[in-house]
Amino acid sequence: MNKETIIADAQMQGLTVGEITHSYNDYPNNLGDNVITGFDSFEDAEEFANKHGLTVCSFTKKDGHHFWHKGGNRYEPFSSAEYIRELGDDYSEACIDNEDIKMVLSQIVNDFSGDFKHIKEFIEMVDELRDIIESKCDDEVVIVKGFTYIETVNKELMTFHVDTTRYSIGVLLNCL
């Protein structure tokens, strides 16, 4: 199958076709390879790749840039742990740990100035976080920064965005 036919098939399926540069500074270099992204699941990407004799890979793209950069071959979707790792050290999967709650409450009590506002706000925040954790689906994780809710995401991801970089799993369409 030629490149144009594969691109047409991707577009008919509502997938996105982009260009890849092999330069680290986004300068056009060794152009001609393409990335196909927008798959709903890893299985969809594998099926498309197998149908056309292509490879499933990871890709990154900076906001405002035209070209994608190829990462490595992928054999499974991104995990929520990979996403959290990219967010940074202050982020984690939520869990309500009584020891952590005691530690934060003791800090609040040590700084107590007669105003119960901070204690009340913290307890409300923990209660809200507990409700969010209890209402999530089994295939989701809750991401927090300390006790502050950030978002709920699927455990398996085909794409995510951190700061100025989009991470995506797609199919590599080499020059044919």
N, C-alpha and C. Protein backbone atom coordinates (compact mmCIF):
# COMPACT_ATOMS: atom_id res chain seq x y z
N MET A 1 0.84 -1.17 0.00
CA MET A 1 0.00 0.00 0.00
C MET A 1 0.89 1.25 0.00
N ASN A 2 0.54 2.23 -0.78
CA ASN A 2 1.39 3.42 -0.83
C ASN A 2 0.99 4.42 0.25
N LYS A 3 1.86 5.39 0.45
CA LYS A 3 1.70 6.37 1.52
C LYS A 3 0.39 7.15 1.40
N GLU A 4 0.04 7.57 0.20
CA GLU A 4 -1.18 8.36 0.00
C GLU A 4 -2.43 7.57 0.39
N THR A 5 -2.44 6.29 0.07
CA THR A 5 -3.57 5.43 0.41
C THR A 5 -3.71 5.29 1.93
N ILE A 6 -2.58 5.13 2.60
CA ILE A 6 -2.60 4.99 4.07
C ILE A 6 -3.09 6.29 4.71
N ILE A 7 -2.60 7.42 4.22
CA ILE A 7 -3.03 8.72 4.74
C ILE A 7 -4.53 8.92 4.51
N ALA A 8 -5.00 8.56 3.33
CA ALA A 8 -6.43 8.68 3.02
C ALA A 8 -7.26 7.80 3.96
N ASP A 9 -6.79 6.57 4.23
CA ASP A 9 -7.48 5.67 5.15
C ASP A 9 -7.53 6.28 6.54
N ALA A 10 -6.42 6.86 6.99
CA ALA A 10 -6.36 7.50 8.31
C ALA A 10 -7.36 8.65 8.40
N GLN A 11 -7.38 9.47 7.38
CA GLN A 11 -8.28 10.62 7.38
C GLN A 11 -9.74 10.20 7.32
N MET A 12 -10.04 9.13 6.59
CA MET A 12 -11.42 8.62 6.54
C MET A 12 -11.88 8.14 7.92
N GLN A 13 -10.93 7.69 8.74
CA GLN A 13 -11.25 7.21 10.09
C GLN A 13 -11.25 8.34 11.12
N GLY A 14 -11.01 9.57 10.65
CA GLY A 14 -11.00 10.72 11.56
C GLY A 14 -9.72 10.88 12.34
N LEU A 15 -8.65 10.23 11.88
CA LEU A 15 -7.36 10.33 12.56
C LEU A 15 -6.60 11.56 12.05
N THR A 16 -5.58 11.95 12.78
CA THR A 16 -4.79 13.13 12.44
C THR A 16 -3.44 12.70 11.89
N VAL A 17 -3.03 13.32 10.79
CA VAL A 17 -1.74 13.03 10.18
C VAL A 17 -0.85 14.24 10.37
N GLY A 18 0.35 14.01 10.90
CA GLY A 18 1.32 15.08 11.12
C GLY A 18 2.67 14.72 10.53
N GLU A 19 3.58 15.69 10.54
CA GLU A 19 4.93 15.48 10.01
C GLU A 19 5.92 15.30 11.16
N ILE A 20 6.95 14.54 10.88
CA ILE A 20 8.00 14.27 11.86
C ILE A 20 9.29 14.93 11.39
N THR A 21 10.01 15.56 12.34
CA THR A 21 11.36 16.02 12.08
C THR A 21 12.30 15.16 12.91
N HIS A 22 13.48 14.95 12.41
CA HIS A 22 14.48 14.17 13.14
C HIS A 22 15.50 15.09 13.78
N SER A 23 15.19 16.37 13.83
CA SER A 23 16.04 17.37 14.45
C SER A 23 15.60 17.59 15.88
N TYR A 24 16.53 17.83 16.77
CA TYR A 24 16.17 18.05 18.17
C TYR A 24 15.69 19.47 18.44
N ASN A 25 15.96 20.40 17.52
CA ASN A 25 15.58 21.79 17.75
C ASN A 25 14.38 22.21 16.91
N ASP A 26 13.65 21.25 16.37
CA ASP A 26 12.45 21.48 15.56
C ASP A 26 12.74 22.05 14.18
N TYR A 27 14.00 22.14 13.82
CA TYR A 27 14.33 22.57 12.47
C TYR A 27 14.00 21.41 11.53
N PRO A 28 13.36 21.69 10.40
CA PRO A 28 13.02 20.60 9.47
C PRO A 28 14.27 19.81 9.06
N ASN A 29 14.27 18.53 9.33
CA ASN A 29 15.43 17.69 9.05
C ASN A 29 14.94 16.28 8.70
N ASN A 30 15.40 15.77 7.57
CA ASN A 30 15.01 14.42 7.11
C ASN A 30 13.49 14.27 7.07
N LEU A 31 12.83 15.21 6.45
CA LEU A 31 11.37 15.18 6.37
C LEU A 31 10.89 14.07 5.46
N GLY A 32 9.64 13.73 5.60
CA GLY A 32 9.05 12.69 4.75
C GLY A 32 8.31 11.66 5.56
N ASP A 33 8.71 11.48 6.83
CA ASP A 33 7.99 10.56 7.70
C ASP A 33 6.78 11.26 8.30
N ASN A 34 5.76 10.49 8.58
CA ASN A 34 4.54 11.06 9.16
C ASN A 34 4.14 10.29 10.41
N VAL A 35 3.32 10.93 11.21
CA VAL A 35 2.73 10.32 12.40
C VAL A 35 1.22 10.36 12.21
N ILE A 36 0.58 9.29 12.62
CA ILE A 36 -0.88 9.22 12.60
C ILE A 36 -1.32 9.06 14.05
N THR A 37 -2.09 10.04 14.55
CA THR A 37 -2.54 10.02 15.93
C THR A 37 -4.07 10.16 15.99
N GLY A 38 -4.58 10.10 17.19
CA GLY A 38 -6.02 10.28 17.38
C GLY A 38 -6.77 8.97 17.60
N PHE A 39 -6.05 7.91 17.87
CA PHE A 39 -6.69 6.61 18.11
C PHE A 39 -7.39 6.62 19.47
N ASP A 40 -8.56 5.99 19.53
CA ASP A 40 -9.31 5.92 20.77
C ASP A 40 -8.70 4.95 21.77
N SER A 41 -8.02 3.93 21.26
CA SER A 41 -7.44 2.92 22.15
C SER A 41 -6.14 2.40 21.53
N PHE A 42 -5.36 1.74 22.37
CA PHE A 42 -4.12 1.14 21.88
C PHE A 42 -4.42 0.04 20.87
N GLU A 43 -5.50 -0.68 21.11
CA GLU A 43 -5.89 -1.76 20.20
C GLU A 43 -6.20 -1.20 18.81
N ASP A 44 -6.85 -0.04 18.75
CA ASP A 44 -7.13 0.60 17.46
C ASP A 44 -5.84 0.97 16.73
N ALA A 45 -4.87 1.49 17.48
CA ALA A 45 -3.58 1.85 16.88
C ALA A 45 -2.87 0.61 16.36
N GLU A 46 -2.88 -0.46 17.16
CA GLU A 46 -2.25 -1.72 16.73
C GLU A 46 -2.92 -2.28 15.48
N GLU A 47 -4.24 -2.25 15.47
CA GLU A 47 -4.99 -2.77 14.32
C GLU A 47 -4.64 -1.99 13.05
N PHE A 48 -4.61 -0.66 13.15
CA PHE A 48 -4.26 0.17 12.01
C PHE A 48 -2.81 -0.12 11.56
N ALA A 49 -1.91 -0.22 12.52
CA ALA A 49 -0.50 -0.49 12.20
C ALA A 49 -0.35 -1.85 11.53
N ASN A 50 -0.99 -2.87 12.07
CA ASN A 50 -0.89 -4.21 11.49
C ASN A 50 -1.49 -4.27 10.09
N LYS A 51 -2.62 -3.58 9.90
CA LYS A 51 -3.29 -3.56 8.59
C LYS A 51 -2.37 -3.00 7.51
N HIS A 52 -1.55 -2.02 7.89
CA HIS A 52 -0.71 -1.33 6.91
C HIS A 52 0.78 -1.67 7.03
N GLY A 53 1.13 -2.62 7.90
CA GLY A 53 2.53 -3.01 8.07
C GLY A 53 3.38 -1.91 8.69
N LEU A 54 2.81 -1.18 9.65
CA LEU A 54 3.51 -0.06 10.28
C LEU A 54 3.78 -0.35 11.75
N THR A 55 4.35 0.63 12.47
CA THR A 55 4.77 0.45 13.84
C THR A 55 4.07 1.45 14.76
N VAL A 56 3.66 0.99 15.93
CA VAL A 56 3.08 1.88 16.95
C VAL A 56 4.24 2.45 17.77
N CYS A 57 4.25 3.78 17.92
CA CYS A 57 5.33 4.48 18.62
C CYS A 57 4.77 5.58 19.51
N SER A 58 5.63 6.13 20.33
CA SER A 58 5.27 7.34 21.09
C SER A 58 5.85 8.54 20.36
N PHE A 59 5.18 9.68 20.52
CA PHE A 59 5.59 10.91 19.86
C PHE A 59 5.39 12.08 20.82
N THR A 60 6.17 13.13 20.62
CA THR A 60 5.98 14.36 21.39
C THR A 60 5.94 15.53 20.43
N LYS A 61 5.22 16.57 20.87
CA LYS A 61 5.11 17.78 20.06
C LYS A 61 4.95 18.96 21.00
N LYS A 62 5.76 19.98 20.79
CA LYS A 62 5.68 21.20 21.61
C LYS A 62 4.53 22.06 21.12
N ASP A 63 3.88 22.76 22.04
CA ASP A 63 2.81 23.69 21.70
C ASP A 63 3.33 24.72 20.71
N GLY A 64 2.54 24.98 19.68
CA GLY A 64 2.90 25.99 18.70
C GLY A 64 3.89 25.52 17.64
N HIS A 65 4.37 24.30 17.76
CA HIS A 65 5.32 23.76 16.78
C HIS A 65 4.57 22.91 15.76
N HIS A 66 5.15 22.81 14.61
CA HIS A 66 4.52 22.08 13.52
C HIS A 66 4.89 20.59 13.54
N PHE A 67 6.13 20.30 13.88
CA PHE A 67 6.64 18.93 13.74
C PHE A 67 6.55 18.12 15.04
N TRP A 68 6.33 16.83 14.85
CA TRP A 68 6.37 15.85 15.93
C TRP A 68 7.79 15.28 16.02
N HIS A 69 8.14 14.75 17.20
CA HIS A 69 9.39 14.01 17.41
C HIS A 69 9.02 12.58 17.77
N LYS A 70 9.73 11.63 17.17
CA LYS A 70 9.46 10.22 17.44
C LYS A 70 10.17 9.79 18.71
N GLY A 71 9.42 9.09 19.56
CA GLY A 71 10.01 8.45 20.74
C GLY A 71 10.32 7.00 20.36
N GLY A 72 10.08 6.10 21.27
CA GLY A 72 10.34 4.69 21.00
C GLY A 72 9.09 3.93 20.60
N ASN A 73 9.29 2.68 20.24
CA ASN A 73 8.16 1.80 19.93
C ASN A 73 7.33 1.61 21.20
N ARG A 74 6.04 1.45 21.04
CA ARG A 74 5.15 1.23 22.18
C ARG A 74 4.45 -0.10 22.03
N TYR A 75 4.32 -0.79 23.16
CA TYR A 75 3.66 -2.08 23.19
C TYR A 75 2.44 -2.06 24.12
N GLU A 76 2.19 -0.88 24.68
CA GLU A 76 1.04 -0.68 25.55
C GLU A 76 0.77 0.83 25.64
N PRO A 77 -0.41 1.21 26.09
CA PRO A 77 -0.71 2.64 26.21
C PRO A 77 0.13 3.29 27.31
N PHE A 78 0.13 4.61 27.36
CA PHE A 78 0.75 5.30 28.48
C PHE A 78 -0.03 4.93 29.73
N SER A 79 0.67 4.84 30.83
CA SER A 79 -0.01 4.61 32.11
C SER A 79 -0.20 5.95 32.81
N SER A 80 -1.15 5.98 33.73
CA SER A 80 -1.35 7.19 34.51
C SER A 80 -0.08 7.51 35.31
N ALA A 81 0.69 6.49 35.68
CA ALA A 81 1.95 6.72 36.40
C ALA A 81 2.95 7.48 35.53
N GLU A 82 3.00 7.18 34.23
CA GLU A 82 3.89 7.93 33.33
C GLU A 82 3.47 9.39 33.26
N TYR A 83 2.16 9.61 33.20
CA TYR A 83 1.63 10.96 33.16
C TYR A 83 2.00 11.72 34.44
N ILE A 84 1.77 11.09 35.59
CA ILE A 84 2.07 11.73 36.87
C ILE A 84 3.56 12.03 36.98
N ARG A 85 4.41 11.12 36.51
CA ARG A 85 5.86 11.34 36.54
C ARG A 85 6.24 12.58 35.73
N GLU A 86 5.58 12.77 34.58
CA GLU A 86 5.85 13.96 33.76
C GLU A 86 5.34 15.24 34.42
N LEU A 87 4.28 15.14 35.22
CA LEU A 87 3.76 16.32 35.91
C LEU A 87 4.76 16.86 36.92
N GLY A 88 5.50 15.97 37.58
CA GLY A 88 6.52 16.40 38.53
C GLY A 88 6.37 15.75 39.89
N ASP A 89 7.35 16.01 40.74
CA ASP A 89 7.44 15.35 42.05
C ASP A 89 6.31 15.71 43.01
N ASP A 90 5.70 16.86 42.84
CA ASP A 90 4.65 17.29 43.78
C ASP A 90 3.31 16.62 43.52
N TYR A 91 3.19 15.88 42.43
CA TYR A 91 1.92 15.27 42.04
C TYR A 91 1.94 13.78 42.34
N SER A 92 0.77 13.25 42.66
CA SER A 92 0.69 11.82 42.94
C SER A 92 -0.73 11.33 42.73
N GLU A 93 -0.86 10.01 42.77
CA GLU A 93 -2.19 9.41 42.76
C GLU A 93 -2.78 9.59 44.15
N ALA A 94 -4.02 10.00 44.22
CA ALA A 94 -4.65 10.30 45.51
C ALA A 94 -4.91 9.06 46.32
N CYS A 95 -4.63 9.18 47.60
CA CYS A 95 -5.08 8.20 48.57
C CYS A 95 -5.20 8.94 49.89
N ILE A 96 -6.20 8.63 50.63
CA ILE A 96 -6.43 9.29 51.90
C ILE A 96 -5.68 8.50 52.97
N ASP A 97 -4.57 9.08 53.43
CA ASP A 97 -3.74 8.44 54.44
C ASP A 97 -3.92 9.20 55.75
N ASN A 98 -4.41 8.49 56.76
CA ASN A 98 -4.69 9.15 58.04
C ASN A 98 -3.44 9.76 58.67
N GLU A 99 -2.28 9.15 58.48
CA GLU A 99 -1.05 9.71 59.03
C GLU A 99 -0.71 11.05 58.39
N ASP A 100 -0.91 11.15 57.08
CA ASP A 100 -0.67 12.42 56.38
C ASP A 100 -1.65 13.49 56.87
N ILE A 101 -2.90 13.09 57.06
CA ILE A 101 -3.92 14.03 57.54
C ILE A 101 -3.54 14.53 58.94
N LYS A 102 -3.10 13.61 59.82
CA LYS A 102 -2.68 14.01 61.17
C LYS A 102 -1.51 14.99 61.12
N MET A 103 -0.56 14.73 60.22
CA MET A 103 0.61 15.58 60.12
C MET A 103 0.21 17.00 59.70
N VAL A 104 -0.64 17.11 58.67
CA VAL A 104 -1.06 18.43 58.21
C VAL A 104 -1.89 19.13 59.27
N LEU A 105 -2.80 18.40 59.92
CA LEU A 105 -3.61 19.00 60.99
C LEU A 105 -2.74 19.49 62.15
N SER A 106 -1.70 18.72 62.48
CA SER A 106 -0.83 19.16 63.58
C SER A 106 -0.08 20.44 63.19
N GLN A 107 0.30 20.58 61.91
CA GLN A 107 0.93 21.83 61.46
C GLN A 107 -0.05 22.99 61.57
N ILE A 108 -1.29 22.75 61.17
CA ILE A 108 -2.31 23.80 61.25
C ILE A 108 -2.55 24.19 62.72
N VAL A 109 -2.62 23.20 63.61
CA VAL A 109 -2.84 23.47 65.02
C VAL A 109 -1.64 24.21 65.62
N ASN A 110 -0.42 23.83 65.22
CA ASN A 110 0.77 24.53 65.72
C ASN A 110 0.78 25.99 65.32
N ASP A 111 0.23 26.30 64.15
CA ASP A 111 0.17 27.68 63.67
C ASP A 111 -1.14 28.36 64.05
N PHE A 112 -1.92 27.72 64.91
CA PHE A 112 -3.26 28.20 65.25
C PHE A 112 -3.20 29.59 65.90
N SER A 113 -4.02 30.49 65.38
CA SER A 113 -4.05 31.87 65.89
C SER A 113 -5.43 32.23 66.44
N GLY A 114 -6.24 31.25 66.72
CA GLY A 114 -7.57 31.52 67.23
C GLY A 114 -8.64 31.49 66.16
N ASP A 115 -8.25 31.37 64.90
CA ASP A 115 -9.20 31.35 63.78
C ASP A 115 -9.32 29.90 63.28
N PHE A 116 -10.53 29.37 63.33
CA PHE A 116 -10.74 27.97 62.93
C PHE A 116 -10.88 27.81 61.42
N LYS A 117 -10.74 28.90 60.70
CA LYS A 117 -10.95 28.89 59.24
C LYS A 117 -10.06 27.88 58.53
N HIS A 118 -8.77 27.85 58.88
CA HIS A 118 -7.84 26.95 58.19
C HIS A 118 -8.14 25.48 58.48
N ILE A 119 -8.53 25.20 59.71
CA ILE A 119 -8.88 23.82 60.07
C ILE A 119 -10.12 23.39 59.30
N LYS A 120 -11.11 24.26 59.27
CA LYS A 120 -12.35 23.97 58.55
C LYS A 120 -12.09 23.76 57.06
N GLU A 121 -11.29 24.65 56.45
CA GLU A 121 -10.97 24.53 55.01
C GLU A 121 -10.27 23.22 54.70
N PHE A 122 -9.32 22.83 55.57
CA PHE A 122 -8.58 21.58 55.33
C PHE A 122 -9.52 20.38 55.43
N ILE A 123 -10.36 20.36 56.44
CA ILE A 123 -11.29 19.24 56.61
C ILE A 123 -12.25 19.16 55.42
N GLU A 124 -12.74 20.30 54.95
CA GLU A 124 -13.61 20.32 53.77
C GLU A 124 -12.87 19.81 52.53
N MET A 125 -11.60 20.19 52.40
CA MET A 125 -10.82 19.75 51.25
C MET A 125 -10.62 18.23 51.28
N VAL A 126 -10.33 17.68 52.44
CA VAL A 126 -10.15 16.22 52.57
C VAL A 126 -11.47 15.50 52.31
N ASP A 127 -12.56 16.02 52.82
CA ASP A 127 -13.88 15.41 52.58
C ASP A 127 -14.22 15.42 51.09
N GLU A 128 -13.96 16.55 50.43
CA GLU A 128 -14.22 16.64 48.98
C GLU A 128 -13.36 15.65 48.21
N LEU A 129 -12.10 15.54 48.60
CA LEU A 129 -11.19 14.60 47.93
C LEU A 129 -11.65 13.16 48.16
N ARG A 130 -12.09 12.86 49.35
CA ARG A 130 -12.60 11.50 49.65
C ARG A 130 -13.81 11.18 48.77
N ASP A 131 -14.71 12.16 48.60
CA ASP A 131 -15.89 11.96 47.74
C ASP A 131 -15.47 11.71 46.28
N ILE A 132 -14.48 12.46 45.81
CA ILE A 132 -14.00 12.29 44.43
C ILE A 132 -13.41 10.90 44.25
N ILE A 133 -12.59 10.48 45.21
CA ILE A 133 -11.95 9.15 45.12
C ILE A 133 -13.01 8.05 45.12
N GLU A 134 -14.00 8.19 45.97
CA GLU A 134 -15.05 7.17 46.06
C GLU A 134 -15.94 7.13 44.83
N SER A 135 -16.05 8.24 44.11
CA SER A 135 -16.95 8.28 42.94
C SER A 135 -16.24 7.96 41.62
N LYS A 136 -14.94 7.80 41.63
CA LYS A 136 -14.24 7.50 40.38
C LYS A 136 -14.52 6.07 39.93
N CYS A 137 -14.34 5.84 38.64
CA CYS A 137 -14.51 4.49 38.08
C CYS A 137 -13.27 3.66 38.37
N ASP A 138 -13.40 2.35 38.23
CA ASP A 138 -12.28 1.44 38.51
C ASP A 138 -11.10 1.64 37.56
N ASP A 139 -11.38 2.15 36.34
CA ASP A 139 -10.29 2.34 35.37
C ASP A 139 -9.74 3.77 35.39
N GLU A 140 -9.99 4.49 36.49
CA GLU A 140 -9.52 5.87 36.62
C GLU A 140 -8.65 6.04 37.86
N VAL A 141 -7.83 7.09 37.85
CA VAL A 141 -7.07 7.49 39.03
C VAL A 141 -7.31 8.98 39.26
N VAL A 142 -7.24 9.37 40.50
CA VAL A 142 -7.37 10.76 40.89
C VAL A 142 -5.97 11.31 41.14
N ILE A 143 -5.66 12.44 40.52
CA ILE A 143 -4.34 13.06 40.68
C ILE A 143 -4.47 14.26 41.61
N VAL A 144 -3.54 14.33 42.55
CA VAL A 144 -3.53 15.41 43.53
C VAL A 144 -2.15 16.04 43.62
N LYS A 145 -2.14 17.24 44.15
CA LYS A 145 -0.90 17.91 44.54
C LYS A 145 -1.08 18.20 46.02
N GLY A 146 -0.44 17.38 46.86
CA GLY A 146 -0.74 17.42 48.29
C GLY A 146 -2.13 16.87 48.51
N PHE A 147 -3.02 17.69 49.07
CA PHE A 147 -4.41 17.29 49.23
C PHE A 147 -5.32 18.04 48.26
N THR A 148 -4.72 18.73 47.30
CA THR A 148 -5.49 19.52 46.34
C THR A 148 -5.80 18.68 45.11
N TYR A 149 -7.07 18.55 44.79
CA TYR A 149 -7.50 17.79 43.62
C TYR A 149 -7.04 18.49 42.35
N ILE A 150 -6.45 17.73 41.43
CA ILE A 150 -6.01 18.27 40.13
C ILE A 150 -6.94 17.78 39.03
N GLU A 151 -7.04 16.47 38.87
CA GLU A 151 -7.93 15.92 37.84
C GLU A 151 -8.08 14.41 38.03
N THR A 152 -9.06 13.86 37.34
CA THR A 152 -9.27 12.42 37.28
C THR A 152 -8.98 11.98 35.85
N VAL A 153 -8.12 10.97 35.69
CA VAL A 153 -7.75 10.49 34.35
C VAL A 153 -7.89 8.98 34.29
N ASN A 154 -7.94 8.46 33.07
CA ASN A 154 -7.95 7.01 32.87
C ASN A 154 -6.60 6.43 33.26
N LYS A 155 -6.60 5.18 33.69
CA LYS A 155 -5.35 4.51 34.02
C LYS A 155 -4.49 4.29 32.78
N GLU A 156 -5.15 4.13 31.63
CA GLU A 156 -4.45 3.96 30.36
C GLU A 156 -4.78 5.13 29.46
N LEU A 157 -3.74 5.76 28.90
CA LEU A 157 -3.91 6.97 28.10
C LEU A 157 -3.26 6.81 26.73
N MET A 158 -3.89 7.38 25.73
CA MET A 158 -3.29 7.42 24.39
C MET A 158 -2.59 8.76 24.15
N THR A 159 -2.96 9.76 24.92
CA THR A 159 -2.34 11.08 24.78
C THR A 159 -2.50 11.83 26.09
N PHE A 160 -1.55 12.71 26.37
CA PHE A 160 -1.68 13.63 27.50
C PHE A 160 -0.81 14.84 27.23
N HIS A 161 -1.07 15.89 27.99
CA HIS A 161 -0.41 17.17 27.78
C HIS A 161 0.16 17.66 29.11
N VAL A 162 1.44 18.01 29.13
CA VAL A 162 2.08 18.54 30.33
C VAL A 162 2.86 19.79 29.93
N ASP A 163 2.62 20.87 30.64
CA ASP A 163 3.27 22.16 30.37
C ASP A 163 3.07 22.54 28.91
N THR A 164 4.14 22.44 28.12
CA THR A 164 4.05 22.84 26.71
C THR A 164 4.26 21.67 25.77
N THR A 165 4.13 20.45 26.27
CA THR A 165 4.41 19.27 25.44
C THR A 165 3.22 18.33 25.41
N ARG A 166 2.86 17.88 24.21
CA ARG A 166 1.83 16.87 23.99
C ARG A 166 2.55 15.54 23.80
N TYR A 167 2.15 14.54 24.55
CA TYR A 167 2.66 13.17 24.43
C TYR A 167 1.55 12.35 23.79
N SER A 168 1.89 11.60 22.77
CA SER A 168 0.84 10.87 22.07
C SER A 168 1.37 9.53 21.56
N ILE A 169 0.49 8.56 21.52
CA ILE A 169 0.81 7.26 20.92
C ILE A 169 0.13 7.25 19.55
N GLY A 170 0.89 6.89 18.57
CA GLY A 170 0.37 6.85 17.21
C GLY A 170 1.11 5.84 16.38
N VAL A 171 0.92 5.97 15.08
CA VAL A 171 1.55 5.04 14.15
C VAL A 171 2.56 5.81 13.31
N LEU A 172 3.74 5.24 13.18
CA LEU A 172 4.81 5.84 12.37
C LEU A 172 4.62 5.43 10.92
N LEU A 173 4.51 6.43 10.07
CA LEU A 173 4.39 6.21 8.63
C LEU A 173 5.70 6.65 8.00
N ASN A 174 6.61 5.68 7.81
CA ASN A 174 7.91 5.97 7.20
C ASN A 174 7.75 6.29 5.73
N CYS A 175 8.76 6.93 5.17
CA CYS A 175 8.78 7.14 3.71
C CYS A 175 8.69 5.79 3.03
N LEU A 176 7.71 5.64 2.20
CA LEU A 176 7.52 4.35 1.51
C LEU A 176 7.84 4.49 0.04
